[in-house]
Amino acid sequence: MGCTSGAALTKLDNPAGEQLQPRLLHFRTLDWGMDELRQLLVCFEYVRGPDYDTVLATNITYIGFVGVLTGVRRGLSVSLNFRPNHDTSSWLRNYRYYGSHLLVLFGMRRSISSMLRRHILPPDGLSPLPALDKVWPTVIGTPSTAAYLIFCDGVDAVVLEKDHRTAHVERQSSFIVATNSDHDTPSATENGHQGDHAGAALGTGVAVSVGDLIEDSEERRKFMQAHWDKKVRQARKVASSLECTYSTARQDPMRRTRASQRRGGESSLEIIPNGSSLPIPSSGTLVDSQVTATLKEVIKWTTTYPTTNEMTHFAAVMDPTEGKVVWIRRYLEPLAFDTHY
């Protein structure tokens, strides 16, 4: 059991030929061991009359499940990943954690998926929906089960390693990925409370140790991160090549005096032999922030093993800027992969 979620800065093709600003696209795979649920997967589009052509929000879910595990509306997309551990540092924390579960079972407290639904769809359909910077601080302080929550608004993406009332927060504007292990995951052998987790056996009939789950999770995260790191290395290589070209071009053809060279060095432009000018690159140029992927690349990364695997029910890419699902694939049968790579 496991999921992969995250966001990547993407440059979309525009049929009209206009220059589109790069935006974050929210990628997501949902993995589960209950193959029967594959047939129940649906994509709900919410509208409000009399304008039935305008989709207000989209929820990728299972028939009969009213919460949100994967959803998007204009200005916000969200996905939830299973988290196999929680803070057990004291008996009181454990008491509050499992007590919260009981309140959910008795209908006295909203489940975490129901809470996410309220941020995608307002209860009355008329209230203004909160922006990303309002959503994630509210979610942190709301009592819930442990989970990984990924929020994106097209400009920034936030990953919450959510516990009962606390969370570790990571925020990025270029690339981020979350699977089913913490940012700094202690080994199972160092923590006696991180043994077999009952939740990891749901739908499989076989107990899965937290150690095995974390190992699989880390593998998926590293593979997804490697795709983006490759793009960054390529961009740095190009930038380095341009800097070498610039260094050659900025040789002083007029053989100016040292004083005039110093005065010229104060300008933001350097004159080169052909009479045009080049901006002086600052030492703090953020090459990484200029890296972008294409939609085809994001889809390919998302559907490549082990990100998509034999337990994947669906893979999707959401665009929170437009508030829509731009690509989705459902897997009605478990996929077979050659894992000897």
C-alpha atoms as a PDB file:
ATOM      1  CA  MET A   1       0.000   0.000   0.000  1.00  0.00           C
ATOM      2  CA  GLY A   2       1.331   3.410  -0.871  1.00  0.00           C
ATOM      3  CA  CYS A   3       0.804   6.594  -2.845  1.00  0.00           C
ATOM      4  CA  THR A   4       2.954   9.154  -4.605  1.00  0.00           C
ATOM      5  CA  SER A   5       1.997  12.822  -4.774  1.00  0.00           C
ATOM      6  CA  GLY A   6       3.745  16.063  -5.546  1.00  0.00           C
ATOM      7  CA  ALA A   7       4.049  18.993  -7.895  1.00  0.00           C
ATOM      8  CA  ALA A   8       6.344  19.971 -10.748  1.00  0.00           C
ATOM      9  CA  LEU A   9       6.832  23.335 -12.445  1.00  0.00           C
ATOM     10  CA  THR A  10       5.515  22.785 -15.953  1.00  0.00           C
ATOM     11  CA  LYS A  11       5.432  24.702 -19.204  1.00  0.00           C
ATOM     12  CA  LEU A  12       2.186  23.917 -21.008  1.00  0.00           C
ATOM     13  CA  ASP A  13       1.672  24.055 -24.752  1.00  0.00           C
ATOM     14  CA  ASN A  14      -0.814  26.673 -25.898  1.00  0.00           C
ATOM     15  CA  PRO A  15      -2.676  25.918 -29.149  1.00  0.00           C
ATOM     16  CA  ALA A  16      -3.180  29.662 -29.681  1.00  0.00           C
ATOM     17  CA  GLY A  17       0.567  30.196 -29.726  1.00  0.00           C
ATOM     18  CA  GLU A  18       0.569  32.543 -26.735  1.00  0.00           C
ATOM     19  CA  GLN A  19       3.354  32.431 -24.184  1.00  0.00           C
ATOM     20  CA  LEU A  20       2.035  30.717 -21.057  1.00  0.00           C
ATOM     21  CA  GLN A  21       3.567  31.318 -17.656  1.00  0.00           C
ATOM     22  CA  PRO A  22       5.002  28.097 -16.157  1.00  0.00           C
ATOM     23  CA  ARG A  23       2.800  26.680 -13.406  1.00  0.00           C
ATOM     24  CA  LEU A  24       2.893  23.865 -10.898  1.00  0.00           C
ATOM     25  CA  LEU A  25       0.983  20.748 -11.903  1.00  0.00           C
ATOM     26  CA  HIS A  26      -0.081  18.351  -9.153  1.00  0.00           C
ATOM     27  CA  PHE A  27       0.732  14.698  -9.976  1.00  0.00           C
ATOM     28  CA  ARG A  28      -0.750  11.813  -8.043  1.00  0.00           C
ATOM     29  CA  THR A  29      -0.955   8.011  -7.957  1.00  0.00           C
ATOM     30  CA  LEU A  30      -3.233   6.136  -5.562  1.00  0.00           C
ATOM     31  CA  ASP A  31      -2.099   2.632  -4.612  1.00  0.00           C
ATOM     32  CA  TRP A  32      -4.202   0.152  -2.666  1.00  0.00           C
ATOM     33  CA  GLY A  33      -4.376  -3.592  -2.254  1.00  0.00           C
ATOM     34  CA  MET A  34      -8.154  -3.979  -2.688  1.00  0.00           C
ATOM     35  CA  ASP A  35      -8.521  -4.821  -6.370  1.00  0.00           C
ATOM     36  CA  GLU A  36     -12.320  -4.817  -6.083  1.00  0.00           C
ATOM     37  CA  LEU A  37     -12.233  -1.035  -5.683  1.00  0.00           C
ATOM     38  CA  ARG A  38     -10.732  -0.573  -9.139  1.00  0.00           C
ATOM     39  CA  GLN A  39     -14.183  -1.064 -10.669  1.00  0.00           C
ATOM     40  CA  LEU A  40     -15.703   1.571  -8.362  1.00  0.00           C
ATOM     41  CA  LEU A  41     -13.384   4.420  -9.261  1.00  0.00           C
ATOM     42  CA  VAL A  42     -15.214   7.530 -10.481  1.00  0.00           C
ATOM     43  CA  CYS A  43     -14.459  11.163 -11.265  1.00  0.00           C
ATOM     44  CA  PHE A  44     -17.131  13.553  -9.982  1.00  0.00           C
ATOM     45  CA  GLU A  45     -17.443  17.019 -11.489  1.00  0.00           C
ATOM     46  CA  TYR A  46     -19.409  19.487  -9.365  1.00  0.00           C
ATOM     47  CA  VAL A  47     -21.547  22.182 -10.997  1.00  0.00           C
ATOM     48  CA  ARG A  48     -24.159  24.668  -9.800  1.00  0.00           C
ATOM     49  CA  GLY A  49     -27.233  25.597 -11.787  1.00  0.00           C
ATOM     50  CA  PRO A  50     -28.214  27.262 -13.907  1.00  0.00           C
ATOM     51  CA  ASP A  51     -24.637  27.229 -15.281  1.00  0.00           C
ATOM     52  CA  TYR A  52     -24.186  23.491 -15.690  1.00  0.00           C
ATOM     53  CA  ASP A  53     -21.270  23.874 -18.100  1.00  0.00           C
ATOM     54  CA  THR A  54     -18.890  25.380 -15.545  1.00  0.00           C
ATOM     55  CA  VAL A  55     -17.150  22.765 -13.403  1.00  0.00           C
ATOM     56  CA  LEU A  56     -16.547  24.148  -9.916  1.00  0.00           C
ATOM     57  CA  ALA A  57     -14.493  21.245  -8.587  1.00  0.00           C
ATOM     58  CA  THR A  58     -13.457  17.682  -9.399  1.00  0.00           C
ATOM     59  CA  ASN A  59     -13.133  14.756  -6.997  1.00  0.00           C
ATOM     60  CA  ILE A  60     -11.473  11.471  -8.001  1.00  0.00           C
ATOM     61  CA  THR A  61     -12.894   8.906  -5.603  1.00  0.00           C
ATOM     62  CA  TYR A  62     -14.789   5.639  -5.195  1.00  0.00           C
ATOM     63  CA  ILE A  63     -18.538   5.154  -5.462  1.00  0.00           C
ATOM     64  CA  GLY A  64     -20.040   5.592  -2.006  1.00  0.00           C
ATOM     65  CA  PHE A  65     -17.062   7.496  -0.580  1.00  0.00           C
ATOM     66  CA  VAL A  66     -18.068  11.103   0.060  1.00  0.00           C
ATOM     67  CA  GLY A  67     -14.749  12.468   1.308  1.00  0.00           C
ATOM     68  CA  VAL A  68     -11.885  13.850  -0.775  1.00  0.00           C
ATOM     69  CA  LEU A  69      -8.620  11.970  -1.231  1.00  0.00           C
ATOM     70  CA  THR A  70      -7.796  13.576  -4.584  1.00  0.00           C
ATOM     71  CA  GLY A  71      -9.512  16.802  -5.598  1.00  0.00           C
ATOM     72  CA  VAL A  72      -9.057  20.081  -7.420  1.00  0.00           C
ATOM     73  CA  ARG A  73     -10.845  23.394  -7.847  1.00  0.00           C
ATOM     74  CA  ARG A  74      -9.625  26.736  -9.145  1.00  0.00           C
ATOM     75  CA  GLY A  75      -6.859  27.878  -6.817  1.00  0.00           C
ATOM     76  CA  LEU A  76      -6.289  24.613  -4.945  1.00  0.00           C
ATOM     77  CA  SER A  77      -5.564  20.933  -5.497  1.00  0.00           C
ATOM     78  CA  VAL A  78      -5.163  18.367  -2.749  1.00  0.00           C
ATOM     79  CA  SER A  79      -4.157  14.742  -2.333  1.00  0.00           C
ATOM     80  CA  LEU A  80      -3.800  12.497   0.708  1.00  0.00           C
ATOM     81  CA  ASN A  81      -1.170   9.794   1.211  1.00  0.00           C
ATOM     82  CA  PHE A  82      -1.248   7.092   3.874  1.00  0.00           C
ATOM     83  CA  ARG A  83       1.133   7.663   6.798  1.00  0.00           C
ATOM     84  CA  PRO A  84       2.065   4.476   8.697  1.00  0.00           C
ATOM     85  CA  ASN A  85       3.257   6.086  11.925  1.00  0.00           C
ATOM     86  CA  HIS A  86       2.371   8.838  14.375  1.00  0.00           C
ATOM     87  CA  ASP A  87       3.821  10.509  17.457  1.00  0.00           C
ATOM     88  CA  THR A  88       3.878   7.975  20.302  1.00  0.00           C
ATOM     89  CA  SER A  89       6.321   9.856  22.516  1.00  0.00           C
ATOM     90  CA  SER A  90       3.870   9.868  25.447  1.00  0.00           C
ATOM     91  CA  TRP A  91       0.779   7.999  26.609  1.00  0.00           C
ATOM     92  CA  LEU A  92      -1.212  11.245  26.467  1.00  0.00           C
ATOM     93  CA  ARG A  93      -0.431  11.742  22.775  1.00  0.00           C
ATOM     94  CA  ASN A  94      -1.502   8.174  22.084  1.00  0.00           C
ATOM     95  CA  TYR A  95      -4.680   8.678  24.084  1.00  0.00           C
ATOM     96  CA  ARG A  96      -5.605  11.814  22.159  1.00  0.00           C
ATOM     97  CA  TYR A  97      -4.728  10.237  18.820  1.00  0.00           C
ATOM     98  CA  TYR A  98      -6.850   7.118  19.215  1.00  0.00           C
ATOM     99  CA  GLY A  99      -9.523   9.050  21.077  1.00  0.00           C
ATOM    100  CA  SER A 100      -9.885  11.218  17.996  1.00  0.00           C
ATOM    101  CA  HIS A 101     -10.417   8.063  15.930  1.00  0.00           C
ATOM    102  CA  LEU A 102     -13.271   7.041  18.218  1.00  0.00           C
ATOM    103  CA  LEU A 103     -14.900  10.457  17.866  1.00  0.00           C
ATOM    104  CA  VAL A 104     -14.816  10.034  14.087  1.00  0.00           C
ATOM    105  CA  LEU A 105     -16.362   6.559  14.321  1.00  0.00           C
ATOM    106  CA  PHE A 106     -19.154   7.888  16.532  1.00  0.00           C
ATOM    107  CA  GLY A 107     -19.843  10.745  14.138  1.00  0.00           C
ATOM    108  CA  MET A 108     -18.738  13.384  16.625  1.00  0.00           C
ATOM    109  CA  ARG A 109     -15.770  14.601  14.578  1.00  0.00           C
ATOM    110  CA  ARG A 110     -15.126  14.948  10.868  1.00  0.00           C
ATOM    111  CA  SER A 111     -12.773  12.504   9.207  1.00  0.00           C
ATOM    112  CA  ILE A 112      -9.726  13.935   7.494  1.00  0.00           C
ATOM    113  CA  SER A 113     -11.192  13.263   4.029  1.00  0.00           C
ATOM    114  CA  SER A 114     -14.368  15.109   5.020  1.00  0.00           C
ATOM    115  CA  MET A 115     -12.259  18.016   6.247  1.00  0.00           C
ATOM    116  CA  LEU A 116     -10.468  18.170   2.879  1.00  0.00           C
ATOM    117  CA  ARG A 117     -13.816  18.160   1.096  1.00  0.00           C
ATOM    118  CA  ARG A 118     -14.750  21.408   2.857  1.00  0.00           C
ATOM    119  CA  HIS A 119     -11.683  23.080   1.371  1.00  0.00           C
ATOM    120  CA  ILE A 120     -12.559  21.912  -2.129  1.00  0.00           C
ATOM    121  CA  LEU A 121     -16.323  22.462  -1.881  1.00  0.00           C
ATOM    122  CA  PRO A 122     -17.925  24.988   0.504  1.00  0.00           C
ATOM    123  CA  PRO A 123     -20.787  23.524   2.574  1.00  0.00           C
ATOM    124  CA  ASP A 124     -23.341  25.989   1.208  1.00  0.00           C
ATOM    125  CA  GLY A 125     -21.819  26.312  -2.244  1.00  0.00           C
ATOM    126  CA  LEU A 126     -21.723  30.098  -1.923  1.00  0.00           C
ATOM    127  CA  SER A 127     -19.031  30.917   0.634  1.00  0.00           C
ATOM    128  CA  PRO A 128     -15.708  32.136  -0.790  1.00  0.00           C
ATOM    129  CA  LEU A 129     -13.124  29.378  -0.837  1.00  0.00           C
ATOM    130  CA  PRO A 130      -9.885  29.979   1.090  1.00  0.00           C
ATOM    131  CA  ALA A 131      -6.504  30.328  -0.585  1.00  0.00           C
ATOM    132  CA  LEU A 132      -3.580  27.980   0.000  1.00  0.00           C
ATOM    133  CA  ASP A 133      -2.032  30.147   2.724  1.00  0.00           C
ATOM    134  CA  LYS A 134      -5.285  29.954   4.682  1.00  0.00           C
ATOM    135  CA  VAL A 135      -5.892  26.247   4.140  1.00  0.00           C
ATOM    136  CA  TRP A 136      -2.764  24.508   5.359  1.00  0.00           C
ATOM    137  CA  PRO A 137      -2.395  26.381   8.693  1.00  0.00           C
ATOM    138  CA  THR A 138      -6.034  25.551   9.432  1.00  0.00           C
ATOM    139  CA  VAL A 139      -5.488  21.890   8.585  1.00  0.00           C
ATOM    140  CA  ILE A 140      -2.452  21.625  10.861  1.00  0.00           C
ATOM    141  CA  GLY A 141      -4.407  22.675  13.947  1.00  0.00           C
ATOM    142  CA  THR A 142      -7.422  20.484  13.187  1.00  0.00           C
ATOM    143  CA  PRO A 143      -7.411  17.145  15.085  1.00  0.00           C
ATOM    144  CA  SER A 144      -7.104  14.239  12.664  1.00  0.00           C
ATOM    145  CA  THR A 145      -5.415  10.955  11.949  1.00  0.00           C
ATOM    146  CA  ALA A 146      -1.839  10.905  10.684  1.00  0.00           C
ATOM    147  CA  ALA A 147      -1.442  11.459   6.944  1.00  0.00           C
ATOM    148  CA  TYR A 148       0.634  13.141   4.287  1.00  0.00           C
ATOM    149  CA  LEU A 149      -1.287  16.030   2.761  1.00  0.00           C
ATOM    150  CA  ILE A 150      -0.196  17.724  -0.426  1.00  0.00           C
ATOM    151  CA  PHE A 151      -1.663  21.120  -1.354  1.00  0.00           C
ATOM    152  CA  CYS A 152      -0.934  23.163  -4.473  1.00  0.00           C
ATOM    153  CA  ASP A 153      -2.248  26.419  -5.944  1.00  0.00           C
ATOM    154  CA  GLY A 154      -0.185  26.473  -9.140  1.00  0.00           C
ATOM    155  CA  VAL A 155       2.459  28.788  -7.662  1.00  0.00           C
ATOM    156  CA  ASP A 156       3.479  26.958  -4.490  1.00  0.00           C
ATOM    157  CA  ALA A 157       3.121  23.425  -3.208  1.00  0.00           C
ATOM    158  CA  VAL A 158       2.989  22.475   0.477  1.00  0.00           C
ATOM    159  CA  VAL A 159       3.510  19.013   1.960  1.00  0.00           C
ATOM    160  CA  LEU A 160       2.272  18.381   5.495  1.00  0.00           C
ATOM    161  CA  GLU A 161       3.508  15.387   7.453  1.00  0.00           C
ATOM    162  CA  LYS A 162       0.355  15.572   9.537  1.00  0.00           C
ATOM    163  CA  ASP A 163       0.046  14.191  13.041  1.00  0.00           C
ATOM    164  CA  HIS A 164      -2.897  14.618  15.413  1.00  0.00           C
ATOM    165  CA  ARG A 165      -2.476  18.369  15.956  1.00  0.00           C
ATOM    166  CA  THR A 166       0.997  19.059  14.571  1.00  0.00           C
ATOM    167  CA  ALA A 167       2.801  18.742  11.256  1.00  0.00           C
ATOM    168  CA  HIS A 168       6.181  19.038   9.610  1.00  0.00           C
ATOM    169  CA  VAL A 169       5.826  21.498   6.722  1.00  0.00           C
ATOM    170  CA  GLU A 170       7.771  21.634   3.480  1.00  0.00           C
ATOM    171  CA  ARG A 171       7.062  24.245   0.802  1.00  0.00           C
ATOM    172  CA  GLN A 172       8.447  24.495  -2.735  1.00  0.00           C
ATOM    173  CA  SER A 173       7.731  26.440  -5.908  1.00  0.00           C
ATOM    174  CA  SER A 174       9.552  24.220  -8.409  1.00  0.00           C
ATOM    175  CA  PHE A 175       9.345  20.538  -7.461  1.00  0.00           C
ATOM    176  CA  ILE A 176       8.275  18.483  -4.470  1.00  0.00           C
ATOM    177  CA  VAL A 177       7.345  14.840  -3.945  1.00  0.00           C
ATOM    178  CA  ALA A 178       5.830  12.907  -1.041  1.00  0.00           C
ATOM    179  CA  THR A 179       5.220   9.188  -0.684  1.00  0.00           C
ATOM    180  CA  ASN A 180       4.626   7.277   2.564  1.00  0.00           C
ATOM    181  CA  SER A 181       7.620   8.088   4.739  1.00  0.00           C
ATOM    182  CA  ASP A 182       8.636  11.138   6.730  1.00  0.00           C
ATOM    183  CA  HIS A 183      11.137  13.692   5.486  1.00  0.00           C
ATOM    184  CA  ASP A 184      13.613  12.437   8.104  1.00  0.00           C
ATOM    185  CA  THR A 185      12.468   8.894   8.747  1.00  0.00           C
ATOM    186  CA  PRO A 186      14.052   7.077  11.710  1.00  0.00           C
ATOM    187  CA  SER A 187      14.769   3.429  11.074  1.00  0.00           C
ATOM    188  CA  ALA A 188      12.340   0.868  12.402  1.00  0.00           C
ATOM    189  CA  THR A 189      15.075  -0.755  14.452  1.00  0.00           C
ATOM    190  CA  GLU A 190      15.774   2.494  16.317  1.00  0.00           C
ATOM    191  CA  ASN A 191      12.141   2.905  17.334  1.00  0.00           C
ATOM    192  CA  GLY A 192      10.443   0.068  19.096  1.00  0.00           C
ATOM    193  CA  HIS A 193       6.989   1.510  18.421  1.00  0.00           C
ATOM    194  CA  GLN A 194       7.551   1.370  14.659  1.00  0.00           C
ATOM    195  CA  GLY A 195       6.915  -2.301  14.106  1.00  0.00           C
ATOM    196  CA  ASP A 196       4.103  -3.930  12.187  1.00  0.00           C
ATOM    197  CA  HIS A 197       1.287  -1.474  11.606  1.00  0.00           C
ATOM    198  CA  ALA A 198      -2.235  -2.844  11.382  1.00  0.00           C
ATOM    199  CA  GLY A 199      -3.215  -0.241   8.803  1.00  0.00           C
ATOM    200  CA  ALA A 200      -0.606  -1.526   6.398  1.00  0.00           C
ATOM    201  CA  ALA A 201      -2.381  -4.871   6.165  1.00  0.00           C
ATOM    202  CA  LEU A 202      -5.746  -3.500   5.083  1.00  0.00           C
ATOM    203  CA  GLY A 203      -6.947  -5.024   1.850  1.00  0.00           C
ATOM    204  CA  THR A 204      -3.985  -7.389   1.513  1.00  0.00           C
ATOM    205  CA  GLY A 205      -4.540  -9.922   4.277  1.00  0.00           C
ATOM    206  CA  VAL A 206      -0.796  -9.875   4.929  1.00  0.00           C
ATOM    207  CA  ALA A 207       0.883  -7.816   7.635  1.00  0.00           C
ATOM    208  CA  VAL A 208       3.376  -5.382   6.146  1.00  0.00           C
ATOM    209  CA  SER A 209       6.108  -4.098   8.422  1.00  0.00           C
ATOM    210  CA  VAL A 210       6.691  -0.391   8.638  1.00  0.00           C
ATOM    211  CA  GLY A 211      10.291  -1.036   7.629  1.00  0.00           C
ATOM    212  CA  ASP A 212       9.213  -2.657   4.350  1.00  0.00           C
ATOM    213  CA  LEU A 213       6.692   0.080   3.664  1.00  0.00           C
ATOM    214  CA  ILE A 214       9.256   2.815   4.295  1.00  0.00           C
ATOM    215  CA  GLU A 215      11.824   1.098   2.081  1.00  0.00           C
ATOM    216  CA  ASP A 216       9.330   0.908  -0.781  1.00  0.00           C
ATOM    217  CA  SER A 217       8.267   4.489  -0.149  1.00  0.00           C
ATOM    218  CA  GLU A 218      11.831   5.794  -0.234  1.00  0.00           C
ATOM    219  CA  GLU A 219      12.447   3.979  -3.508  1.00  0.00           C
ATOM    220  CA  ARG A 220       9.441   5.634  -5.139  1.00  0.00           C
ATOM    221  CA  ARG A 221      10.422   9.050  -3.820  1.00  0.00           C
ATOM    222  CA  LYS A 222      14.018   8.720  -5.031  1.00  0.00           C
ATOM    223  CA  PHE A 223      12.942   7.638  -8.503  1.00  0.00           C
ATOM    224  CA  MET A 224      10.546  10.562  -8.865  1.00  0.00           C
ATOM    225  CA  GLN A 225      13.113  13.011  -7.509  1.00  0.00           C
ATOM    226  CA  ALA A 226      15.731  11.620  -9.901  1.00  0.00           C
ATOM    227  CA  HIS A 227      13.638  12.656 -12.912  1.00  0.00           C
ATOM    228  CA  TRP A 228      13.595  16.266 -11.737  1.00  0.00           C
ATOM    229  CA  ASP A 229      17.257  16.232 -10.676  1.00  0.00           C
ATOM    230  CA  LYS A 230      18.174  15.191 -14.199  1.00  0.00           C
ATOM    231  CA  LYS A 231      16.343  18.248 -15.557  1.00  0.00           C
ATOM    232  CA  VAL A 232      18.199  20.466 -13.072  1.00  0.00           C
ATOM    233  CA  ARG A 233      21.591  19.038 -14.078  1.00  0.00           C
ATOM    234  CA  GLN A 234      20.810  19.634 -17.731  1.00  0.00           C
ATOM    235  CA  ALA A 235      19.802  23.236 -16.996  1.00  0.00           C
ATOM    236  CA  ARG A 236      22.967  23.852 -15.002  1.00  0.00           C
ATOM    237  CA  LYS A 237      25.052  22.435 -17.819  1.00  0.00           C
ATOM    238  CA  VAL A 238      23.420  24.808 -20.304  1.00  0.00           C
ATOM    239  CA  ALA A 239      23.843  27.742 -17.909  1.00  0.00           C
ATOM    240  CA  SER A 240      27.504  26.882 -17.415  1.00  0.00           C
ATOM    241  CA  SER A 241      28.003  26.792 -21.180  1.00  0.00           C
ATOM    242  CA  LEU A 242      26.347  30.206 -21.545  1.00  0.00           C
ATOM    243  CA  GLU A 243      28.578  31.641 -18.825  1.00  0.00           C
ATOM    244  CA  CYS A 244      31.649  30.442 -20.711  1.00  0.00           C
ATOM    245  CA  THR A 245      30.331  32.094 -23.883  1.00  0.00           C
ATOM    246  CA  TYR A 246      29.648  35.281 -21.950  1.00  0.00           C
ATOM    247  CA  SER A 247      33.139  35.263 -20.444  1.00  0.00           C
ATOM    248  CA  THR A 248      34.665  35.090 -23.920  1.00  0.00           C
ATOM    249  CA  ALA A 249      32.375  37.792 -25.287  1.00  0.00           C
ATOM    250  CA  ARG A 250      33.118  40.292 -22.557  1.00  0.00           C
ATOM    251  CA  GLN A 251      36.791  40.696 -23.466  1.00  0.00           C
ATOM    252  CA  ASP A 252      37.512  44.417 -23.788  1.00  0.00           C
ATOM    253  CA  PRO A 253      38.029  45.174 -27.532  1.00  0.00           C
ATOM    254  CA  MET A 254      38.648  48.908 -26.921  1.00  0.00           C
ATOM    255  CA  ARG A 255      41.562  48.314 -24.492  1.00  0.00           C
ATOM    256  CA  ARG A 256      40.155  50.848 -22.064  1.00  0.00           C
ATOM    257  CA  THR A 257      42.120  52.190 -19.139  1.00  0.00           C
ATOM    258  CA  ARG A 258      41.711  50.420 -15.822  1.00  0.00           C
ATOM    259  CA  ALA A 259      39.748  53.365 -14.444  1.00  0.00           C
ATOM    260  CA  SER A 260      37.260  53.291 -17.298  1.00  0.00           C
ATOM    261  CA  GLN A 261      36.966  49.521 -16.973  1.00  0.00           C
ATOM    262  CA  ARG A 262      36.098  49.968 -13.306  1.00  0.00           C
ATOM    263  CA  ARG A 263      33.488  52.584 -14.182  1.00  0.00           C
ATOM    264  CA  GLY A 264      32.077  50.321 -16.886  1.00  0.00           C
ATOM    265  CA  GLY A 265      31.920  47.477 -14.401  1.00  0.00           C
ATOM    266  CA  GLU A 266      29.343  49.402 -12.408  1.00  0.00           C
ATOM    267  CA  SER A 267      26.851  49.136 -15.238  1.00  0.00           C
ATOM    268  CA  SER A 268      24.352  46.327 -15.453  1.00  0.00           C
ATOM    269  CA  LEU A 269      25.291  45.747 -19.109  1.00  0.00           C
ATOM    270  CA  GLU A 270      28.579  44.955 -20.867  1.00  0.00           C
ATOM    271  CA  ILE A 271      29.311  46.016 -24.447  1.00  0.00           C
ATOM    272  CA  ILE A 272      30.498  43.246 -26.742  1.00  0.00           C
ATOM    273  CA  PRO A 273      32.262  43.571 -30.129  1.00  0.00           C
ATOM    274  CA  ASN A 274      29.172  43.406 -32.350  1.00  0.00           C
ATOM    275  CA  GLY A 275      27.644  46.408 -30.608  1.00  0.00           C
ATOM    276  CA  SER A 276      24.876  44.526 -28.766  1.00  0.00           C
ATOM    277  CA  SER A 277      24.817  44.095 -25.025  1.00  0.00           C
ATOM    278  CA  LEU A 278      24.613  41.222 -22.571  1.00  0.00           C
ATOM    279  CA  PRO A 279      23.277  41.457 -19.027  1.00  0.00           C
ATOM    280  CA  ILE A 280      25.848  40.636 -16.411  1.00  0.00           C
ATOM    281  CA  PRO A 281      24.708  37.407 -14.731  1.00  0.00           C
ATOM    282  CA  SER A 282      24.560  37.781 -10.980  1.00  0.00           C
ATOM    283  CA  SER A 283      26.417  35.308  -8.822  1.00  0.00           C
ATOM    284  CA  GLY A 284      23.129  34.397  -7.177  1.00  0.00           C
ATOM    285  CA  THR A 285      21.334  33.351 -10.359  1.00  0.00           C
ATOM    286  CA  LEU A 286      18.784  30.699  -9.406  1.00  0.00           C
ATOM    287  CA  VAL A 287      19.070  28.241 -12.263  1.00  0.00           C
ATOM    288  CA  ASP A 288      16.993  25.662 -10.420  1.00  0.00           C
ATOM    289  CA  SER A 289      13.970  27.963 -10.251  1.00  0.00           C
ATOM    290  CA  GLN A 290      14.008  28.292 -14.049  1.00  0.00           C
ATOM    291  CA  VAL A 291      13.782  24.552 -14.672  1.00  0.00           C
ATOM    292  CA  THR A 292      10.479  23.393 -16.140  1.00  0.00           C
ATOM    293  CA  ALA A 293       9.060  20.107 -17.351  1.00  0.00           C
ATOM    294  CA  THR A 294       6.471  19.420 -20.023  1.00  0.00           C
ATOM    295  CA  LEU A 295       3.105  17.793 -19.412  1.00  0.00           C
ATOM    296  CA  LYS A 296       4.280  14.725 -21.332  1.00  0.00           C
ATOM    297  CA  GLU A 297       7.306  14.437 -19.058  1.00  0.00           C
ATOM    298  CA  VAL A 298       5.225  14.711 -15.881  1.00  0.00           C
ATOM    299  CA  ILE A 299       2.863  12.014 -17.177  1.00  0.00           C
ATOM    300  CA  LYS A 300       5.786   9.779 -18.111  1.00  0.00           C
ATOM    301  CA  TRP A 301       7.396  10.187 -14.695  1.00  0.00           C
ATOM    302  CA  THR A 302       4.109   9.448 -12.957  1.00  0.00           C
ATOM    303  CA  THR A 303       3.410   6.296 -14.969  1.00  0.00           C
ATOM    304  CA  THR A 304       6.909   4.793 -14.771  1.00  0.00           C
ATOM    305  CA  TYR A 305       7.691   1.948 -12.372  1.00  0.00           C
ATOM    306  CA  PRO A 306       7.951   2.053  -9.376  1.00  0.00           C
ATOM    307  CA  THR A 307       5.873   5.259  -9.113  1.00  0.00           C
ATOM    308  CA  THR A 308       3.072   3.416 -10.879  1.00  0.00           C
ATOM    309  CA  ASN A 309       3.129  -0.220  -9.818  1.00  0.00           C
ATOM    310  CA  GLU A 310       1.013  -3.359  -9.497  1.00  0.00           C
ATOM    311  CA  MET A 311      -1.058  -1.771  -6.709  1.00  0.00           C
ATOM    312  CA  THR A 312      -1.831   1.501  -8.506  1.00  0.00           C
ATOM    313  CA  HIS A 313      -5.563   2.137  -9.017  1.00  0.00           C
ATOM    314  CA  PHE A 314      -5.144   5.385 -10.934  1.00  0.00           C
ATOM    315  CA  ALA A 315      -2.672   8.094 -11.858  1.00  0.00           C
ATOM    316  CA  ALA A 316      -3.642  11.708 -12.474  1.00  0.00           C
ATOM    317  CA  VAL A 317      -2.256  15.179 -13.122  1.00  0.00           C
ATOM    318  CA  MET A 318      -4.205  18.206 -11.853  1.00  0.00           C
ATOM    319  CA  ASP A 319      -3.930  21.891 -12.737  1.00  0.00           C
ATOM    320  CA  PRO A 320      -4.996  24.034  -9.754  1.00  0.00           C
ATOM    321  CA  THR A 321      -4.480  27.223 -11.754  1.00  0.00           C
ATOM    322  CA  GLU A 322      -7.369  26.258 -14.031  1.00  0.00           C
ATOM    323  CA  GLY A 323      -9.075  24.057 -11.460  1.00  0.00           C
ATOM    324  CA  LYS A 324      -9.243  20.890 -13.525  1.00  0.00           C
ATOM    325  CA  VAL A 325      -7.812  17.428 -14.058  1.00  0.00           C
ATOM    326  CA  VAL A 326      -5.644  17.630 -17.176  1.00  0.00           C
ATOM    327  CA  TRP A 327      -4.864  13.911 -17.401  1.00  0.00           C
ATOM    328  CA  ILE A 328      -6.015  10.708 -15.702  1.00  0.00           C
ATOM    329  CA  ARG A 329      -5.597   6.970 -16.250  1.00  0.00           C
ATOM    330  CA  ARG A 330      -7.454   4.216 -14.441  1.00  0.00           C
ATOM    331  CA  TYR A 331      -5.974   0.730 -14.052  1.00  0.00           C
ATOM    332  CA  LEU A 332      -8.787  -1.820 -13.999  1.00  0.00           C
ATOM    333  CA  GLU A 333      -6.320  -4.683 -13.622  1.00  0.00           C
ATOM    334  CA  PRO A 334      -3.050  -4.848 -11.669  1.00  0.00           C
ATOM    335  CA  LEU A 335      -0.120  -4.028 -13.901  1.00  0.00           C
ATOM    336  CA  ALA A 336       2.720  -6.459 -14.431  1.00  0.00           C
ATOM    337  CA  PHE A 337       6.198  -4.940 -14.471  1.00  0.00           C
ATOM    338  CA  ASP A 338       9.637  -6.274 -15.174  1.00  0.00           C
ATOM    339  CA  THR A 339      11.406  -5.065 -12.047  1.00  0.00           C
ATOM    340  CA  HIS A 340      14.882  -6.052 -13.283  1.00  0.00           C
ATOM    341  CA  TYR A 341      15.974  -2.563 -14.247  1.00  0.00           C
END
